Amino acid sequence: MANEKLLSEFHNLFGSHGGDVLPGNVGQSNRAAALCHEVMTIDDPVLFHYFTAWDDRLEEKQRPFAIEQALVELGQWEGAWGLAQLHYDQFLKTEAAAVVRQHKGHPLCNLALAGQAIGSPSLTRHYALLASAGDVYWELKCPALKEGGLAPTLAERSEPREDHYDWRQKVRKLLVS
């Protein structure tokens, strides 16, 4: 019953399909960060399908990262960060529940971009490196990731490109062993 109440509140805040509603800066919208953290305490990945459908929306302005950016512009940095963390949390929990590796580069990149939006170079670099490692892991299923996606570009802001690609080679070698 408590979980249903939380999920109902989440859907009221972000819309029935995700991104239908742009949280404002008053009332219930100020609860975005706390609500995201409360949903993370649920053991099951109850919003995984909600997030995957949200990610696949045609309108970029309705995707999770666009909503995170809008929250940052409203000064709700914690709300933006909470939504990005919840997105990633749902992928991790689904992976744990199914005991099957998921490609988590996209939600990790959202965390890196949210870190960049709130002005934190250390968060940006940390999550960009994790997303880049995730891309290396997933490149056998998606060969386009071999050259790297957005994550290496974000990481290159804090280190030379060659260093990052050397690091990706080390990750590849670790995955083989």
C-alpha atoms as a PDB file:
ATOM      1  CA  MET A   1       0.000   0.000   0.000  1.00  0.00           C
ATOM      2  CA  ALA A   2       2.822   2.443   0.865  1.00  0.00           C
ATOM      3  CA  ASN A   3       4.591   1.588  -2.408  1.00  0.00           C
ATOM      4  CA  GLU A   4       1.411   2.236  -4.397  1.00  0.00           C
ATOM      5  CA  LYS A   5       1.066   5.645  -2.748  1.00  0.00           C
ATOM      6  CA  LEU A   6       4.681   6.531  -3.616  1.00  0.00           C
ATOM      7  CA  LEU A   7       4.289   5.388  -7.214  1.00  0.00           C
ATOM      8  CA  SER A   8       1.023   7.299  -7.567  1.00  0.00           C
ATOM      9  CA  GLU A   9       2.741  10.423  -6.242  1.00  0.00           C
ATOM     10  CA  PHE A  10       5.649   9.870  -8.662  1.00  0.00           C
ATOM     11  CA  HIS A  11       3.268   9.518 -11.623  1.00  0.00           C
ATOM     12  CA  ASN A  12       1.401  12.645 -10.531  1.00  0.00           C
ATOM     13  CA  LEU A  13       4.683  14.541 -10.429  1.00  0.00           C
ATOM     14  CA  PHE A  14       6.219  13.332 -13.718  1.00  0.00           C
ATOM     15  CA  GLY A  15       3.153  12.213 -15.692  1.00  0.00           C
ATOM     16  CA  SER A  16       1.662   8.872 -16.601  1.00  0.00           C
ATOM     17  CA  HIS A  17       4.220   8.331 -19.388  1.00  0.00           C
ATOM     18  CA  GLY A  18       7.102  10.324 -17.924  1.00  0.00           C
ATOM     19  CA  GLY A  19       7.732  13.826 -19.179  1.00  0.00           C
ATOM     20  CA  ASP A  20       4.003  14.541 -19.594  1.00  0.00           C
ATOM     21  CA  VAL A  21       4.315  16.989 -16.737  1.00  0.00           C
ATOM     22  CA  LEU A  22       7.125  19.430 -16.132  1.00  0.00           C
ATOM     23  CA  PRO A  23       7.472  19.793 -12.362  1.00  0.00           C
ATOM     24  CA  GLY A  24       7.287  23.397 -11.294  1.00  0.00           C
ATOM     25  CA  ASN A  25       8.934  25.127  -8.403  1.00  0.00           C
ATOM     26  CA  VAL A  26       6.065  25.159  -5.917  1.00  0.00           C
ATOM     27  CA  GLY A  27       3.881  22.734  -4.003  1.00  0.00           C
ATOM     28  CA  GLN A  28       4.338  19.025  -4.637  1.00  0.00           C
ATOM     29  CA  SER A  29       7.077  19.711  -7.197  1.00  0.00           C
ATOM     30  CA  ASN A  30       9.415  20.758  -4.399  1.00  0.00           C
ATOM     31  CA  ARG A  31       9.231  17.154  -3.216  1.00  0.00           C
ATOM     32  CA  ALA A  32      10.882  15.752  -6.374  1.00  0.00           C
ATOM     33  CA  ALA A  33      14.233  14.883  -4.752  1.00  0.00           C
ATOM     34  CA  ALA A  34      12.734  13.342  -1.621  1.00  0.00           C
ATOM     35  CA  LEU A  35      10.204  11.358  -3.645  1.00  0.00           C
ATOM     36  CA  CYS A  36      12.901   9.948  -5.946  1.00  0.00           C
ATOM     37  CA  HIS A  37      14.945   8.866  -2.922  1.00  0.00           C
ATOM     38  CA  GLU A  38      11.899   7.253  -1.301  1.00  0.00           C
ATOM     39  CA  VAL A  39      11.188   5.270  -4.483  1.00  0.00           C
ATOM     40  CA  MET A  40      14.823   4.077  -4.461  1.00  0.00           C
ATOM     41  CA  THR A  41      14.162   2.349  -1.128  1.00  0.00           C
ATOM     42  CA  ILE A  42      11.739  -0.054  -2.834  1.00  0.00           C
ATOM     43  CA  ASP A  43      13.625  -3.301  -3.463  1.00  0.00           C
ATOM     44  CA  ASP A  44      12.022  -4.076  -6.816  1.00  0.00           C
ATOM     45  CA  PRO A  45      12.644  -2.133 -10.040  1.00  0.00           C
ATOM     46  CA  VAL A  46       9.042  -0.891 -10.035  1.00  0.00           C
ATOM     47  CA  LEU A  47       9.704   1.976 -12.472  1.00  0.00           C
ATOM     48  CA  PHE A  48      12.053   0.237 -14.909  1.00  0.00           C
ATOM     49  CA  HIS A  49       9.480  -0.137 -17.696  1.00  0.00           C
ATOM     50  CA  TYR A  50       8.248   3.389 -17.020  1.00  0.00           C
ATOM     51  CA  PHE A  51      11.797   4.706 -17.537  1.00  0.00           C
ATOM     52  CA  THR A  52      12.494   2.603 -20.654  1.00  0.00           C
ATOM     53  CA  ALA A  53       9.242   3.877 -22.213  1.00  0.00           C
ATOM     54  CA  TRP A  54      10.163   7.408 -21.100  1.00  0.00           C
ATOM     55  CA  ASP A  55      13.607   7.041 -22.734  1.00  0.00           C
ATOM     56  CA  ASP A  56      11.975   5.970 -26.009  1.00  0.00           C
ATOM     57  CA  ARG A  57       9.670   8.993 -26.310  1.00  0.00           C
ATOM     58  CA  LEU A  58       9.974  10.754 -29.643  1.00  0.00           C
ATOM     59  CA  GLU A  59      10.085  14.225 -28.154  1.00  0.00           C
ATOM     60  CA  GLU A  60      13.549  14.849 -26.696  1.00  0.00           C
ATOM     61  CA  LYS A  61      12.103  17.572 -24.484  1.00  0.00           C
ATOM     62  CA  GLN A  62      10.055  14.903 -22.715  1.00  0.00           C
ATOM     63  CA  ARG A  63      12.912  12.494 -21.967  1.00  0.00           C
ATOM     64  CA  PRO A  64      14.358  12.124 -18.453  1.00  0.00           C
ATOM     65  CA  PHE A  65      17.435  14.257 -19.141  1.00  0.00           C
ATOM     66  CA  ALA A  66      15.333  17.130 -20.501  1.00  0.00           C
ATOM     67  CA  ILE A  67      13.232  17.071 -17.336  1.00  0.00           C
ATOM     68  CA  GLU A  68      16.434  16.995 -15.261  1.00  0.00           C
ATOM     69  CA  GLN A  69      17.713  20.045 -17.169  1.00  0.00           C
ATOM     70  CA  ALA A  70      14.407  21.845 -16.593  1.00  0.00           C
ATOM     71  CA  LEU A  71      14.661  21.115 -12.861  1.00  0.00           C
ATOM     72  CA  VAL A  72      18.220  22.507 -12.808  1.00  0.00           C
ATOM     73  CA  GLU A  73      17.005  25.679 -14.541  1.00  0.00           C
ATOM     74  CA  LEU A  74      14.345  26.047 -11.830  1.00  0.00           C
ATOM     75  CA  GLY A  75      17.043  25.735  -9.165  1.00  0.00           C
ATOM     76  CA  GLN A  76      15.973  22.243  -8.147  1.00  0.00           C
ATOM     77  CA  TRP A  77      19.415  20.688  -8.400  1.00  0.00           C
ATOM     78  CA  GLU A  78      18.577  18.036  -5.831  1.00  0.00           C
ATOM     79  CA  GLY A  79      15.435  17.081  -7.769  1.00  0.00           C
ATOM     80  CA  ALA A  80      17.394  16.778 -11.007  1.00  0.00           C
ATOM     81  CA  TRP A  81      20.090  14.708  -9.312  1.00  0.00           C
ATOM     82  CA  GLY A  82      17.475  12.528  -7.573  1.00  0.00           C
ATOM     83  CA  LEU A  83      15.706  11.784 -10.857  1.00  0.00           C
ATOM     84  CA  ALA A  84      19.012  10.877 -12.559  1.00  0.00           C
ATOM     85  CA  GLN A  85      19.952   8.597  -9.642  1.00  0.00           C
ATOM     86  CA  LEU A  86      16.539   6.914  -9.677  1.00  0.00           C
ATOM     87  CA  HIS A  87      16.837   6.279 -13.430  1.00  0.00           C
ATOM     88  CA  TYR A  88      20.188   4.532 -12.898  1.00  0.00           C
ATOM     89  CA  ASP A  89      18.907   2.728  -9.781  1.00  0.00           C
ATOM     90  CA  GLN A  90      16.095   1.111 -11.781  1.00  0.00           C
ATOM     91  CA  PHE A  91      18.561  -0.273 -14.334  1.00  0.00           C
ATOM     92  CA  LEU A  92      20.792  -1.653 -11.552  1.00  0.00           C
ATOM     93  CA  LYS A  93      17.875  -3.299  -9.767  1.00  0.00           C
ATOM     94  CA  THR A  94      16.558  -4.845 -12.979  1.00  0.00           C
ATOM     95  CA  GLU A  95      20.014  -6.220 -13.702  1.00  0.00           C
ATOM     96  CA  ALA A  96      20.234  -7.698 -10.187  1.00  0.00           C
ATOM     97  CA  ALA A  97      16.722  -9.160 -10.333  1.00  0.00           C
ATOM     98  CA  ALA A  98      17.201 -10.771 -13.751  1.00  0.00           C
ATOM     99  CA  VAL A  99      20.879 -11.673 -13.171  1.00  0.00           C
ATOM    100  CA  VAL A 100      21.519 -10.360 -16.683  1.00  0.00           C
ATOM    101  CA  ARG A 101      23.811  -7.465 -17.525  1.00  0.00           C
ATOM    102  CA  GLN A 102      22.025  -4.350 -18.754  1.00  0.00           C
ATOM    103  CA  HIS A 103      23.522  -1.529 -20.766  1.00  0.00           C
ATOM    104  CA  LYS A 104      23.635   1.255 -18.205  1.00  0.00           C
ATOM    105  CA  GLY A 105      25.613   3.788 -20.238  1.00  0.00           C
ATOM    106  CA  HIS A 106      22.588   5.927 -20.968  1.00  0.00           C
ATOM    107  CA  PRO A 107      21.416   6.503 -17.369  1.00  0.00           C
ATOM    108  CA  LEU A 108      25.034   6.878 -16.257  1.00  0.00           C
ATOM    109  CA  CYS A 109      25.519   9.511 -18.951  1.00  0.00           C
ATOM    110  CA  ASN A 110      22.432  11.284 -17.622  1.00  0.00           C
ATOM    111  CA  LEU A 111      24.105  11.346 -14.204  1.00  0.00           C
ATOM    112  CA  ALA A 112      27.281  12.764 -15.771  1.00  0.00           C
ATOM    113  CA  LEU A 113      25.271  15.402 -17.638  1.00  0.00           C
ATOM    114  CA  ALA A 114      23.281  16.273 -14.509  1.00  0.00           C
ATOM    115  CA  GLY A 115      26.598  16.609 -12.648  1.00  0.00           C
ATOM    116  CA  GLN A 116      27.800  18.941 -15.377  1.00  0.00           C
ATOM    117  CA  ALA A 117      24.570  20.963 -15.231  1.00  0.00           C
ATOM    118  CA  ILE A 118      24.884  21.473 -11.483  1.00  0.00           C
ATOM    119  CA  GLY A 119      28.524  22.498 -11.894  1.00  0.00           C
ATOM    120  CA  SER A 120      30.331  19.510 -10.378  1.00  0.00           C
ATOM    121  CA  PRO A 121      33.383  18.423 -12.423  1.00  0.00           C
ATOM    122  CA  SER A 122      34.094  15.488 -10.079  1.00  0.00           C
ATOM    123  CA  LEU A 123      30.570  14.033 -10.464  1.00  0.00           C
ATOM    124  CA  THR A 124      30.704  14.613 -14.218  1.00  0.00           C
ATOM    125  CA  ARG A 125      34.030  12.796 -14.557  1.00  0.00           C
ATOM    126  CA  HIS A 126      33.092   9.945 -12.193  1.00  0.00           C
ATOM    127  CA  TYR A 127      29.854   9.066 -13.990  1.00  0.00           C
ATOM    128  CA  ALA A 128      31.319   9.697 -17.444  1.00  0.00           C
ATOM    129  CA  LEU A 129      34.046   7.128 -16.685  1.00  0.00           C
ATOM    130  CA  LEU A 130      31.469   4.622 -15.416  1.00  0.00           C
ATOM    131  CA  ALA A 131      29.330   5.185 -18.527  1.00  0.00           C
ATOM    132  CA  SER A 132      32.396   4.781 -20.748  1.00  0.00           C
ATOM    133  CA  ALA A 133      33.283   1.501 -19.002  1.00  0.00           C
ATOM    134  CA  GLY A 134      29.685   0.389 -19.516  1.00  0.00           C
ATOM    135  CA  ASP A 135      29.992   1.211 -23.209  1.00  0.00           C
ATOM    136  CA  VAL A 136      33.171  -0.896 -23.418  1.00  0.00           C
ATOM    137  CA  TYR A 137      31.330  -3.803 -21.786  1.00  0.00           C
ATOM    138  CA  TRP A 138      28.407  -3.468 -24.193  1.00  0.00           C
ATOM    139  CA  GLU A 139      30.373  -2.858 -27.410  1.00  0.00           C
ATOM    140  CA  LEU A 140      30.130  -6.529 -28.471  1.00  0.00           C
ATOM    141  CA  LYS A 141      26.350  -6.133 -28.674  1.00  0.00           C
ATOM    142  CA  CYS A 142      26.491  -2.629 -30.129  1.00  0.00           C
ATOM    143  CA  PRO A 143      29.696  -2.179 -32.206  1.00  0.00           C
ATOM    144  CA  ALA A 144      29.130   1.577 -32.550  1.00  0.00           C
ATOM    145  CA  LEU A 145      30.126   1.912 -28.887  1.00  0.00           C
ATOM    146  CA  LYS A 146      33.689   0.770 -29.669  1.00  0.00           C
ATOM    147  CA  GLU A 147      34.631   4.323 -30.609  1.00  0.00           C
ATOM    148  CA  GLY A 148      32.761   5.646 -27.617  1.00  0.00           C
ATOM    149  CA  GLY A 149      29.650   7.685 -27.274  1.00  0.00           C
ATOM    150  CA  LEU A 150      28.930  10.748 -25.223  1.00  0.00           C
ATOM    151  CA  ALA A 151      30.691   9.422 -22.114  1.00  0.00           C
ATOM    152  CA  PRO A 152      34.252   9.675 -23.502  1.00  0.00           C
ATOM    153  CA  THR A 153      33.496  13.184 -24.733  1.00  0.00           C
ATOM    154  CA  LEU A 154      32.432  14.169 -21.216  1.00  0.00           C
ATOM    155  CA  ALA A 155      35.480  12.477 -19.679  1.00  0.00           C
ATOM    156  CA  GLU A 156      37.816  14.249 -22.105  1.00  0.00           C
ATOM    157  CA  ARG A 157      37.005  17.534 -20.411  1.00  0.00           C
ATOM    158  CA  SER A 158      39.140  16.432 -17.498  1.00  0.00           C
ATOM    159  CA  GLU A 159      41.801  14.363 -19.256  1.00  0.00           C
ATOM    160  CA  PRO A 160      43.431  14.058 -22.680  1.00  0.00           C
ATOM    161  CA  ARG A 161      41.662  11.917 -25.255  1.00  0.00           C
ATOM    162  CA  GLU A 162      44.624   9.541 -25.538  1.00  0.00           C
ATOM    163  CA  ASP A 163      44.608   8.925 -21.785  1.00  0.00           C
ATOM    164  CA  HIS A 164      40.928   8.077 -21.879  1.00  0.00           C
ATOM    165  CA  TYR A 165      41.352   5.654 -24.762  1.00  0.00           C
ATOM    166  CA  ASP A 166      44.311   4.021 -22.990  1.00  0.00           C
ATOM    167  CA  TRP A 167      42.050   3.621 -19.959  1.00  0.00           C
ATOM    168  CA  ARG A 168      39.329   2.058 -22.158  1.00  0.00           C
ATOM    169  CA  GLN A 169      41.927  -0.453 -23.423  1.00  0.00           C
ATOM    170  CA  LYS A 170      42.744  -1.392 -19.822  1.00  0.00           C
ATOM    171  CA  VAL A 171      39.031  -1.899 -19.140  1.00  0.00           C
ATOM    172  CA  ARG A 172      38.794  -4.154 -22.225  1.00  0.00           C
ATOM    173  CA  LYS A 173      41.724  -6.245 -20.982  1.00  0.00           C
ATOM    174  CA  LEU A 174      40.142  -6.577 -17.527  1.00  0.00           C
ATOM    175  CA  LEU A 175      36.879  -7.752 -19.100  1.00  0.00           C
ATOM    176  CA  VAL A 176      38.704 -10.480 -21.036  1.00  0.00           C
ATOM    177  CA  SER A 177      40.418 -11.904 -17.953  1.00  0.00           C
END
